[in-house]
């Protein structure tokens, strides 16, 4: 089994069975950071948007009313199924889903006006590669919106935080 397969399996185990909980989560469906990402898409009715590591789909739901299309991308098919069901319930016909790793995006160069991600980068197997991929699929002049947690800096605090994160969530890679 490759490291990528192992990581994908961990993501599926961690999130697949609880996909509906993430869609319904009050914590995940609100906050100023979600509004800030949505603001990057207002006044762009023709924009194509990619939501990397979409989780419960809250970024995609927030931007869909403002843009032409939103693609919600995630490793967990169960999560994507839950996002599709919620998008249909909300009448968001311009939202589609795609299963893929952020490190190998299945889209042509310059496909999106905005690439957004919220609280998923700490689950990515290779952040630099994922960011290069995000840049590759952005149109010239496009914008990346990224919200995530960061480590506290000092090695002792960083080690403590990473240990707790891994105990709490085996799909966690690094803050």
N, C-alpha and C. Protein backbone atom coordinates (compact mmCIF):
# COMPACT_ATOMS: atom_id res chain seq x y z
N UNK A 1 0.85 -1.18 0.00
CA UNK A 1 0.00 0.00 0.00
C UNK A 1 0.89 1.23 0.00
N UNK A 2 0.58 2.19 -0.85
CA UNK A 2 1.38 3.41 -0.90
C UNK A 2 0.97 4.36 0.20
N UNK A 3 1.82 5.35 0.46
CA UNK A 3 1.50 6.36 1.49
C UNK A 3 0.23 7.10 1.12
N UNK A 4 0.04 7.37 -0.18
CA UNK A 4 -1.15 8.08 -0.63
C UNK A 4 -2.41 7.26 -0.36
N UNK A 5 -2.36 5.95 -0.69
CA UNK A 5 -3.51 5.09 -0.43
C UNK A 5 -3.81 5.05 1.06
N UNK A 6 -2.76 4.96 1.88
CA UNK A 6 -2.93 4.92 3.32
C UNK A 6 -3.58 6.21 3.81
N UNK A 7 -3.11 7.34 3.31
CA UNK A 7 -3.69 8.63 3.73
C UNK A 7 -5.14 8.72 3.28
N UNK A 8 -5.44 8.32 2.06
CA UNK A 8 -6.82 8.35 1.57
C UNK A 8 -7.71 7.46 2.42
N UNK A 9 -7.21 6.31 2.81
CA UNK A 9 -7.98 5.41 3.67
C UNK A 9 -8.25 6.04 5.03
N UNK A 10 -7.24 6.72 5.57
CA UNK A 10 -7.43 7.40 6.86
C UNK A 10 -8.49 8.50 6.74
N UNK A 11 -8.46 9.24 5.66
CA UNK A 11 -9.46 10.30 5.44
C UNK A 11 -10.85 9.68 5.36
N UNK A 12 -10.99 8.61 4.59
CA UNK A 12 -12.29 7.94 4.48
C UNK A 12 -12.78 7.43 5.82
N UNK A 13 -11.89 6.83 6.60
CA UNK A 13 -12.28 6.32 7.92
C UNK A 13 -12.68 7.46 8.86
N UNK A 14 -11.92 8.54 8.82
CA UNK A 14 -12.16 9.65 9.74
C UNK A 14 -13.45 10.41 9.41
N UNK A 15 -13.70 10.62 8.12
CA UNK A 15 -14.80 11.52 7.74
C UNK A 15 -15.99 10.83 7.09
N UNK A 16 -15.78 9.71 6.44
CA UNK A 16 -16.85 9.08 5.68
C UNK A 16 -18.10 8.77 6.50
N UNK A 17 -17.92 8.13 7.63
CA UNK A 17 -19.07 7.73 8.45
C UNK A 17 -19.78 8.92 9.09
N UNK A 18 -19.08 10.07 9.16
CA UNK A 18 -19.66 11.24 9.81
C UNK A 18 -19.95 12.37 8.82
N UNK A 19 -20.05 12.04 7.55
CA UNK A 19 -20.23 13.07 6.52
C UNK A 19 -21.46 13.93 6.79
N UNK A 20 -22.57 13.30 7.11
CA UNK A 20 -23.81 14.06 7.36
C UNK A 20 -23.66 14.99 8.56
N UNK A 21 -22.87 14.57 9.55
CA UNK A 21 -22.63 15.42 10.72
C UNK A 21 -21.88 16.69 10.34
N UNK A 22 -20.92 16.57 9.43
CA UNK A 22 -20.17 17.76 8.98
C UNK A 22 -21.05 18.70 8.17
N UNK A 23 -21.93 18.15 7.36
CA UNK A 23 -22.86 18.99 6.59
C UNK A 23 -23.77 19.76 7.55
N UNK A 24 -24.26 19.10 8.59
CA UNK A 24 -25.20 19.71 9.53
C UNK A 24 -24.54 20.52 10.64
N UNK A 25 -23.24 20.47 10.76
CA UNK A 25 -22.52 21.10 11.87
C UNK A 25 -22.69 22.62 11.91
N UNK A 26 -23.19 23.12 13.03
CA UNK A 26 -23.31 24.58 13.21
C UNK A 26 -21.94 25.23 13.28
N UNK A 27 -20.97 24.55 13.86
CA UNK A 27 -19.61 25.09 13.97
C UNK A 27 -18.99 25.27 12.58
N UNK A 28 -19.17 24.29 11.71
CA UNK A 28 -18.56 24.33 10.39
C UNK A 28 -19.33 25.21 9.40
N UNK A 29 -20.59 25.49 9.68
CA UNK A 29 -21.42 26.20 8.70
C UNK A 29 -21.50 27.70 8.92
N UNK A 30 -20.73 28.23 9.86
CA UNK A 30 -20.78 29.67 10.11
C UNK A 30 -19.39 30.18 10.48
N UNK A 31 -19.28 31.42 10.78
CA UNK A 31 -18.06 32.11 11.22
C UNK A 31 -17.61 33.14 10.18
N UNK A 32 -16.88 34.09 10.67
CA UNK A 32 -16.41 35.20 9.83
C UNK A 32 -15.48 34.73 8.72
N UNK A 33 -14.71 33.66 8.96
CA UNK A 33 -13.79 33.18 7.92
C UNK A 33 -14.56 32.66 6.70
N UNK A 34 -15.69 32.03 6.92
CA UNK A 34 -16.51 31.56 5.81
C UNK A 34 -17.06 32.75 5.02
N UNK A 35 -17.49 33.79 5.73
CA UNK A 35 -17.97 35.00 5.07
C UNK A 35 -16.86 35.67 4.27
N UNK A 36 -15.64 35.66 4.79
CA UNK A 36 -14.50 36.27 4.09
C UNK A 36 -14.21 35.52 2.79
N UNK A 37 -14.28 34.21 2.80
CA UNK A 37 -14.07 33.45 1.57
C UNK A 37 -15.19 33.72 0.57
N UNK A 38 -16.42 33.77 1.05
CA UNK A 38 -17.54 34.07 0.15
C UNK A 38 -17.40 35.46 -0.46
N UNK A 39 -16.86 36.39 0.31
CA UNK A 39 -16.69 37.76 -0.18
C UNK A 39 -15.73 37.82 -1.37
N UNK A 40 -14.80 36.86 -1.46
CA UNK A 40 -13.88 36.82 -2.60
C UNK A 40 -14.60 36.50 -3.91
N UNK A 41 -15.85 36.06 -3.81
CA UNK A 41 -16.59 35.63 -5.00
C UNK A 41 -17.79 36.51 -5.32
N UNK A 42 -18.12 37.41 -4.43
CA UNK A 42 -19.25 38.28 -4.71
C UNK A 42 -18.92 39.17 -5.91
N UNK A 43 -19.90 39.54 -6.64
CA UNK A 43 -19.74 40.37 -7.84
C UNK A 43 -18.95 39.66 -8.94
N UNK A 44 -18.97 38.34 -8.94
CA UNK A 44 -18.30 37.56 -9.99
C UNK A 44 -19.28 36.52 -10.56
N UNK A 45 -20.36 36.96 -11.18
CA UNK A 45 -21.41 36.01 -11.60
C UNK A 45 -20.95 34.99 -12.65
N UNK A 46 -19.88 35.25 -13.35
CA UNK A 46 -19.39 34.30 -14.36
C UNK A 46 -18.24 33.43 -13.86
N UNK A 47 -17.87 33.57 -12.60
CA UNK A 47 -16.69 32.87 -12.05
C UNK A 47 -16.92 31.37 -11.93
N UNK A 48 -15.81 30.66 -12.13
CA UNK A 48 -15.73 29.24 -11.83
C UNK A 48 -14.86 29.11 -10.58
N UNK A 49 -15.38 28.39 -9.57
CA UNK A 49 -14.72 28.30 -8.26
C UNK A 49 -14.44 26.83 -7.94
N UNK A 50 -13.28 26.60 -7.34
CA UNK A 50 -12.90 25.27 -6.86
C UNK A 50 -12.76 25.33 -5.34
N UNK A 51 -13.45 24.44 -4.65
CA UNK A 51 -13.38 24.31 -3.18
C UNK A 51 -12.55 23.06 -2.87
N UNK A 52 -11.29 23.28 -2.48
CA UNK A 52 -10.36 22.17 -2.20
C UNK A 52 -10.62 21.58 -0.81
N UNK A 53 -10.73 20.26 -0.73
CA UNK A 53 -10.97 19.62 0.56
C UNK A 53 -12.27 20.13 1.14
N UNK A 54 -13.33 20.01 0.39
CA UNK A 54 -14.60 20.69 0.71
C UNK A 54 -15.25 20.24 2.01
N UNK A 55 -14.91 19.04 2.50
CA UNK A 55 -15.55 18.59 3.73
C UNK A 55 -17.06 18.61 3.58
N UNK A 56 -17.74 19.25 4.51
CA UNK A 56 -19.20 19.33 4.49
C UNK A 56 -19.77 20.27 3.46
N UNK A 57 -18.92 20.93 2.68
CA UNK A 57 -19.37 21.75 1.56
C UNK A 57 -19.74 23.19 1.89
N UNK A 58 -19.41 23.66 3.07
CA UNK A 58 -19.89 24.97 3.50
C UNK A 58 -19.34 26.14 2.68
N UNK A 59 -18.10 26.04 2.23
CA UNK A 59 -17.56 27.08 1.35
C UNK A 59 -18.33 27.06 0.04
N UNK A 60 -18.52 25.89 -0.52
CA UNK A 60 -19.25 25.77 -1.79
C UNK A 60 -20.67 26.32 -1.67
N UNK A 61 -21.36 26.02 -0.56
CA UNK A 61 -22.73 26.54 -0.39
C UNK A 61 -22.72 28.06 -0.28
N UNK A 62 -21.71 28.61 0.37
CA UNK A 62 -21.64 30.06 0.58
C UNK A 62 -21.36 30.81 -0.71
N UNK A 63 -20.57 30.24 -1.61
CA UNK A 63 -20.21 30.97 -2.83
C UNK A 63 -21.14 30.66 -4.00
N UNK A 64 -21.80 29.51 -4.01
CA UNK A 64 -22.62 29.10 -5.16
C UNK A 64 -23.64 30.16 -5.61
N UNK A 65 -24.31 30.88 -4.70
CA UNK A 65 -25.27 31.87 -5.17
C UNK A 65 -24.66 33.05 -5.93
N UNK A 66 -23.34 33.21 -5.83
CA UNK A 66 -22.68 34.38 -6.41
C UNK A 66 -21.95 34.10 -7.71
N UNK A 67 -21.80 32.83 -8.10
CA UNK A 67 -20.91 32.49 -9.22
C UNK A 67 -21.61 31.57 -10.22
N UNK A 68 -20.93 31.35 -11.36
CA UNK A 68 -21.48 30.46 -12.38
C UNK A 68 -21.45 29.01 -11.92
N UNK A 69 -20.26 28.53 -11.48
CA UNK A 69 -20.15 27.13 -11.04
C UNK A 69 -19.19 27.01 -9.86
N UNK A 70 -19.45 26.01 -9.04
CA UNK A 70 -18.56 25.65 -7.94
C UNK A 70 -18.31 24.15 -8.03
N UNK A 71 -17.04 23.76 -7.97
CA UNK A 71 -16.67 22.36 -7.89
C UNK A 71 -16.15 22.09 -6.50
N UNK A 72 -16.82 21.21 -5.78
CA UNK A 72 -16.42 20.81 -4.43
C UNK A 72 -15.59 19.54 -4.56
N UNK A 73 -14.32 19.60 -4.15
CA UNK A 73 -13.39 18.49 -4.32
C UNK A 73 -13.00 17.94 -2.95
N UNK A 74 -12.97 16.61 -2.84
CA UNK A 74 -12.60 15.98 -1.57
C UNK A 74 -12.10 14.57 -1.85
N UNK A 75 -11.39 13.99 -0.89
CA UNK A 75 -10.94 12.59 -0.99
C UNK A 75 -12.04 11.61 -0.59
N UNK A 76 -12.96 12.04 0.25
CA UNK A 76 -13.99 11.15 0.79
C UNK A 76 -15.23 11.15 -0.10
N UNK A 77 -15.52 10.00 -0.72
CA UNK A 77 -16.72 9.90 -1.55
C UNK A 77 -17.98 10.06 -0.70
N UNK A 78 -17.97 9.54 0.52
CA UNK A 78 -19.13 9.69 1.40
C UNK A 78 -19.39 11.17 1.68
N UNK A 79 -18.33 11.95 1.87
CA UNK A 79 -18.48 13.38 2.10
C UNK A 79 -19.06 14.05 0.85
N UNK A 80 -18.55 13.68 -0.31
CA UNK A 80 -19.06 14.26 -1.56
C UNK A 80 -20.53 13.89 -1.79
N UNK A 81 -20.91 12.68 -1.45
CA UNK A 81 -22.31 12.27 -1.58
C UNK A 81 -23.20 13.13 -0.68
N UNK A 82 -22.73 13.39 0.54
CA UNK A 82 -23.50 14.23 1.47
C UNK A 82 -23.59 15.67 0.95
N UNK A 83 -22.51 16.17 0.37
CA UNK A 83 -22.51 17.53 -0.20
C UNK A 83 -23.50 17.61 -1.37
N UNK A 84 -23.48 16.60 -2.24
CA UNK A 84 -24.42 16.58 -3.37
C UNK A 84 -25.87 16.60 -2.88
N UNK A 85 -26.16 15.81 -1.87
CA UNK A 85 -27.52 15.75 -1.34
C UNK A 85 -27.94 17.10 -0.75
N UNK A 86 -27.03 17.74 -0.01
CA UNK A 86 -27.35 19.03 0.59
C UNK A 86 -27.48 20.11 -0.47
N UNK A 87 -26.63 20.08 -1.49
CA UNK A 87 -26.74 21.06 -2.57
C UNK A 87 -28.09 20.92 -3.28
N UNK A 88 -28.53 19.69 -3.50
CA UNK A 88 -29.84 19.46 -4.12
C UNK A 88 -30.96 19.98 -3.21
N UNK A 89 -30.83 19.71 -1.92
CA UNK A 89 -31.84 20.19 -0.96
C UNK A 89 -31.93 21.70 -0.99
N UNK A 90 -30.79 22.38 -1.16
CA UNK A 90 -30.75 23.85 -1.18
C UNK A 90 -31.06 24.42 -2.57
N UNK A 91 -31.20 23.57 -3.56
CA UNK A 91 -31.48 24.04 -4.91
C UNK A 91 -30.27 24.66 -5.60
N UNK A 92 -29.08 24.25 -5.21
CA UNK A 92 -27.84 24.78 -5.80
C UNK A 92 -27.46 23.93 -7.01
N UNK A 93 -28.01 24.27 -8.15
CA UNK A 93 -27.81 23.47 -9.35
C UNK A 93 -26.46 23.73 -10.02
N UNK A 94 -25.74 24.74 -9.57
CA UNK A 94 -24.43 25.07 -10.15
C UNK A 94 -23.26 24.49 -9.34
N UNK A 95 -23.55 23.58 -8.44
CA UNK A 95 -22.52 22.96 -7.60
C UNK A 95 -22.35 21.51 -8.02
N UNK A 96 -21.11 21.14 -8.38
CA UNK A 96 -20.82 19.74 -8.67
C UNK A 96 -19.69 19.27 -7.77
N UNK A 97 -19.49 17.97 -7.71
CA UNK A 97 -18.46 17.41 -6.84
C UNK A 97 -17.48 16.60 -7.67
N UNK A 98 -16.29 16.45 -7.11
CA UNK A 98 -15.23 15.67 -7.77
C UNK A 98 -14.35 15.04 -6.70
N UNK A 99 -14.09 13.76 -6.84
CA UNK A 99 -13.20 13.06 -5.89
C UNK A 99 -11.79 13.07 -6.46
N UNK A 100 -10.86 13.64 -5.70
CA UNK A 100 -9.46 13.68 -6.13
C UNK A 100 -8.62 14.20 -4.96
N UNK A 101 -7.32 13.95 -5.08
CA UNK A 101 -6.36 14.50 -4.12
C UNK A 101 -5.97 15.90 -4.56
N UNK A 102 -5.77 16.78 -3.59
CA UNK A 102 -5.40 18.16 -3.91
C UNK A 102 -4.01 18.24 -4.53
N UNK A 103 -3.20 17.23 -4.34
CA UNK A 103 -1.85 17.22 -4.88
C UNK A 103 -1.81 16.83 -6.36
N UNK A 104 -2.93 16.41 -6.90
CA UNK A 104 -3.01 16.00 -8.30
C UNK A 104 -4.40 16.35 -8.84
N UNK A 105 -4.62 17.62 -9.09
CA UNK A 105 -5.94 18.09 -9.49
C UNK A 105 -6.25 17.67 -10.93
N UNK A 106 -7.45 17.12 -11.16
CA UNK A 106 -7.81 16.61 -12.48
C UNK A 106 -8.44 17.67 -13.38
N UNK A 107 -7.84 18.84 -13.42
CA UNK A 107 -8.37 19.95 -14.21
C UNK A 107 -7.27 20.55 -15.08
N UNK A 108 -7.64 21.10 -16.22
CA UNK A 108 -6.63 21.77 -17.06
C UNK A 108 -6.10 23.03 -16.39
N UNK A 109 -4.96 23.47 -16.86
CA UNK A 109 -4.38 24.74 -16.40
C UNK A 109 -5.41 25.87 -16.58
N UNK A 110 -5.36 26.84 -15.68
CA UNK A 110 -6.18 28.07 -15.77
C UNK A 110 -7.68 27.78 -15.90
N UNK A 111 -8.18 26.87 -15.09
CA UNK A 111 -9.59 26.48 -15.14
C UNK A 111 -10.51 27.30 -14.24
N UNK A 112 -9.95 27.91 -13.19
CA UNK A 112 -10.80 28.52 -12.16
C UNK A 112 -10.41 29.97 -11.88
N UNK A 113 -11.44 30.77 -11.58
CA UNK A 113 -11.22 32.16 -11.19
C UNK A 113 -10.84 32.28 -9.73
N UNK A 114 -11.34 31.36 -8.93
CA UNK A 114 -11.03 31.32 -7.51
C UNK A 114 -10.80 29.87 -7.09
N UNK A 115 -9.80 29.68 -6.24
CA UNK A 115 -9.59 28.40 -5.57
C UNK A 115 -9.63 28.70 -4.08
N UNK A 116 -10.54 28.03 -3.39
CA UNK A 116 -10.77 28.29 -1.97
C UNK A 116 -10.60 27.01 -1.17
N UNK A 117 -10.18 27.17 0.07
CA UNK A 117 -10.10 26.02 0.97
C UNK A 117 -10.22 26.51 2.40
N UNK A 118 -10.92 25.74 3.20
CA UNK A 118 -11.15 26.12 4.60
C UNK A 118 -10.98 24.90 5.49
N UNK A 119 -10.01 24.95 6.35
CA UNK A 119 -9.71 23.90 7.33
C UNK A 119 -9.52 22.52 6.70
N UNK A 120 -8.81 22.50 5.58
CA UNK A 120 -8.46 21.20 5.00
C UNK A 120 -6.96 21.03 4.80
N UNK A 121 -6.21 22.12 4.70
CA UNK A 121 -4.77 22.02 4.38
C UNK A 121 -4.01 21.19 5.41
N UNK A 122 -4.44 21.18 6.65
CA UNK A 122 -3.74 20.35 7.65
C UNK A 122 -3.98 18.85 7.45
N UNK A 123 -4.82 18.51 6.48
CA UNK A 123 -5.04 17.11 6.11
C UNK A 123 -4.31 16.74 4.81
N UNK A 124 -3.70 17.70 4.15
CA UNK A 124 -3.07 17.43 2.85
C UNK A 124 -1.76 16.69 3.06
N UNK A 125 -1.52 15.70 2.22
CA UNK A 125 -0.30 14.90 2.31
C UNK A 125 0.94 15.72 1.95
N UNK A 126 0.81 16.70 1.06
CA UNK A 126 1.95 17.48 0.59
C UNK A 126 1.49 18.90 0.26
N UNK A 127 1.58 19.79 1.24
CA UNK A 127 1.07 21.16 1.09
C UNK A 127 1.75 21.90 -0.06
N UNK A 128 3.09 21.89 -0.18
CA UNK A 128 3.70 22.62 -1.31
C UNK A 128 3.20 22.14 -2.68
N UNK A 129 3.07 20.84 -2.85
CA UNK A 129 2.57 20.31 -4.12
C UNK A 129 1.12 20.74 -4.34
N UNK A 130 0.29 20.67 -3.31
CA UNK A 130 -1.10 21.09 -3.44
C UNK A 130 -1.20 22.57 -3.80
N UNK A 131 -0.37 23.40 -3.21
CA UNK A 131 -0.40 24.83 -3.53
C UNK A 131 0.06 25.09 -4.97
N UNK A 132 1.04 24.32 -5.44
CA UNK A 132 1.45 24.44 -6.85
C UNK A 132 0.29 24.05 -7.77
N UNK A 133 -0.42 23.00 -7.40
CA UNK A 133 -1.58 22.58 -8.19
C UNK A 133 -2.68 23.65 -8.18
N UNK A 134 -2.93 24.24 -7.02
CA UNK A 134 -3.92 25.31 -6.93
C UNK A 134 -3.52 26.47 -7.85
N UNK A 135 -2.25 26.83 -7.82
CA UNK A 135 -1.75 27.91 -8.69
C UNK A 135 -1.91 27.53 -10.16
N UNK A 136 -1.63 26.29 -10.49
CA UNK A 136 -1.72 25.82 -11.87
C UNK A 136 -3.13 25.95 -12.42
N UNK A 137 -4.14 25.61 -11.61
CA UNK A 137 -5.52 25.62 -12.11
C UNK A 137 -6.18 26.99 -12.00
N UNK A 138 -5.51 27.95 -11.35
CA UNK A 138 -6.03 29.32 -11.30
C UNK A 138 -5.79 30.04 -12.62
N UNK A 139 -6.79 30.79 -13.05
CA UNK A 139 -6.62 31.64 -14.23
C UNK A 139 -5.67 32.78 -13.88
N UNK A 140 -5.01 33.36 -14.86
CA UNK A 140 -4.19 34.56 -14.58
C UNK A 140 -5.07 35.63 -13.90
N UNK A 141 -4.59 36.17 -12.82
CA UNK A 141 -5.36 37.15 -12.05
C UNK A 141 -6.34 36.53 -11.07
N UNK A 142 -6.42 35.19 -11.05
CA UNK A 142 -7.30 34.51 -10.12
C UNK A 142 -6.78 34.65 -8.70
N UNK A 143 -7.61 34.27 -7.74
CA UNK A 143 -7.21 34.40 -6.34
C UNK A 143 -7.41 33.10 -5.59
N UNK A 144 -6.47 32.85 -4.68
CA UNK A 144 -6.53 31.72 -3.76
C UNK A 144 -6.98 32.25 -2.41
N UNK A 145 -7.97 31.62 -1.82
CA UNK A 145 -8.40 31.93 -0.47
C UNK A 145 -8.18 30.71 0.41
N UNK A 146 -7.33 30.82 1.43
CA UNK A 146 -6.97 29.69 2.27
C UNK A 146 -7.14 30.06 3.73
N UNK A 147 -7.92 29.25 4.44
CA UNK A 147 -8.12 29.41 5.88
C UNK A 147 -7.76 28.08 6.52
N UNK A 148 -6.87 28.11 7.52
CA UNK A 148 -6.52 26.88 8.21
C UNK A 148 -5.86 27.23 9.54
N UNK A 149 -5.51 26.21 10.29
CA UNK A 149 -4.81 26.39 11.56
C UNK A 149 -3.31 26.38 11.30
N UNK A 150 -2.58 27.03 12.17
CA UNK A 150 -1.12 27.03 12.06
C UNK A 150 -0.52 26.55 13.38
N UNK A 151 0.70 26.08 13.31
CA UNK A 151 1.35 25.63 14.54
C UNK A 151 1.82 26.86 15.33
N UNK A 152 2.02 26.71 16.63
CA UNK A 152 2.33 27.86 17.48
C UNK A 152 3.77 28.36 17.40
N UNK A 153 4.64 27.70 16.66
CA UNK A 153 6.01 28.20 16.49
C UNK A 153 7.05 27.49 17.33
N UNK A 154 7.14 27.77 18.62
CA UNK A 154 8.18 27.13 19.43
C UNK A 154 8.11 25.60 19.33
N UNK A 155 9.23 24.93 19.14
CA UNK A 155 9.23 23.47 18.93
C UNK A 155 8.47 22.68 19.99
N UNK A 156 8.58 23.02 21.25
CA UNK A 156 7.89 22.27 22.28
C UNK A 156 6.37 22.38 22.11
N UNK A 157 5.87 23.59 21.88
CA UNK A 157 4.43 23.78 21.69
C UNK A 157 3.96 23.12 20.40
N UNK A 158 4.78 23.22 19.35
CA UNK A 158 4.44 22.61 18.08
C UNK A 158 4.32 21.09 18.23
N UNK A 159 5.29 20.47 18.88
CA UNK A 159 5.27 19.02 19.08
C UNK A 159 4.05 18.60 19.89
N UNK A 160 3.74 19.36 20.93
CA UNK A 160 2.57 19.07 21.76
C UNK A 160 1.29 19.14 20.92
N UNK A 161 1.13 20.21 20.15
CA UNK A 161 -0.07 20.37 19.33
C UNK A 161 -0.19 19.26 18.29
N UNK A 162 0.91 18.96 17.59
CA UNK A 162 0.85 17.92 16.56
C UNK A 162 0.50 16.57 17.16
N UNK A 163 1.02 16.26 18.35
CA UNK A 163 0.71 15.00 19.01
C UNK A 163 -0.78 14.92 19.33
N UNK A 164 -1.35 15.98 19.89
CA UNK A 164 -2.77 15.99 20.20
C UNK A 164 -3.62 15.86 18.94
N UNK A 165 -3.24 16.58 17.90
CA UNK A 165 -3.99 16.51 16.65
C UNK A 165 -4.01 15.09 16.08
N UNK A 166 -2.86 14.42 16.11
CA UNK A 166 -2.79 13.06 15.58
C UNK A 166 -3.58 12.07 16.43
N UNK A 167 -3.59 12.27 17.74
CA UNK A 167 -4.39 11.40 18.60
C UNK A 167 -5.88 11.61 18.36
N UNK A 168 -6.26 12.85 18.14
CA UNK A 168 -7.65 13.20 17.91
C UNK A 168 -8.13 12.77 16.53
N UNK A 169 -7.23 12.88 15.54
CA UNK A 169 -7.63 12.68 14.16
C UNK A 169 -6.46 12.07 13.37
N UNK A 170 -6.49 10.76 13.11
CA UNK A 170 -5.37 10.13 12.41
C UNK A 170 -5.17 10.61 10.98
N UNK A 171 -6.14 11.30 10.40
CA UNK A 171 -5.98 11.82 9.03
C UNK A 171 -5.23 13.15 9.03
N UNK A 172 -5.01 13.70 10.20
CA UNK A 172 -4.26 14.95 10.33
C UNK A 172 -2.83 14.74 9.85
N UNK A 173 -2.29 15.71 9.09
CA UNK A 173 -0.91 15.61 8.64
C UNK A 173 -0.05 16.60 9.41
N UNK A 174 -0.38 17.88 9.34
CA UNK A 174 0.43 18.89 10.05
C UNK A 174 -0.27 20.24 10.01
N UNK A 175 -0.29 20.92 11.15
CA UNK A 175 -0.76 22.31 11.18
C UNK A 175 0.30 23.18 10.55
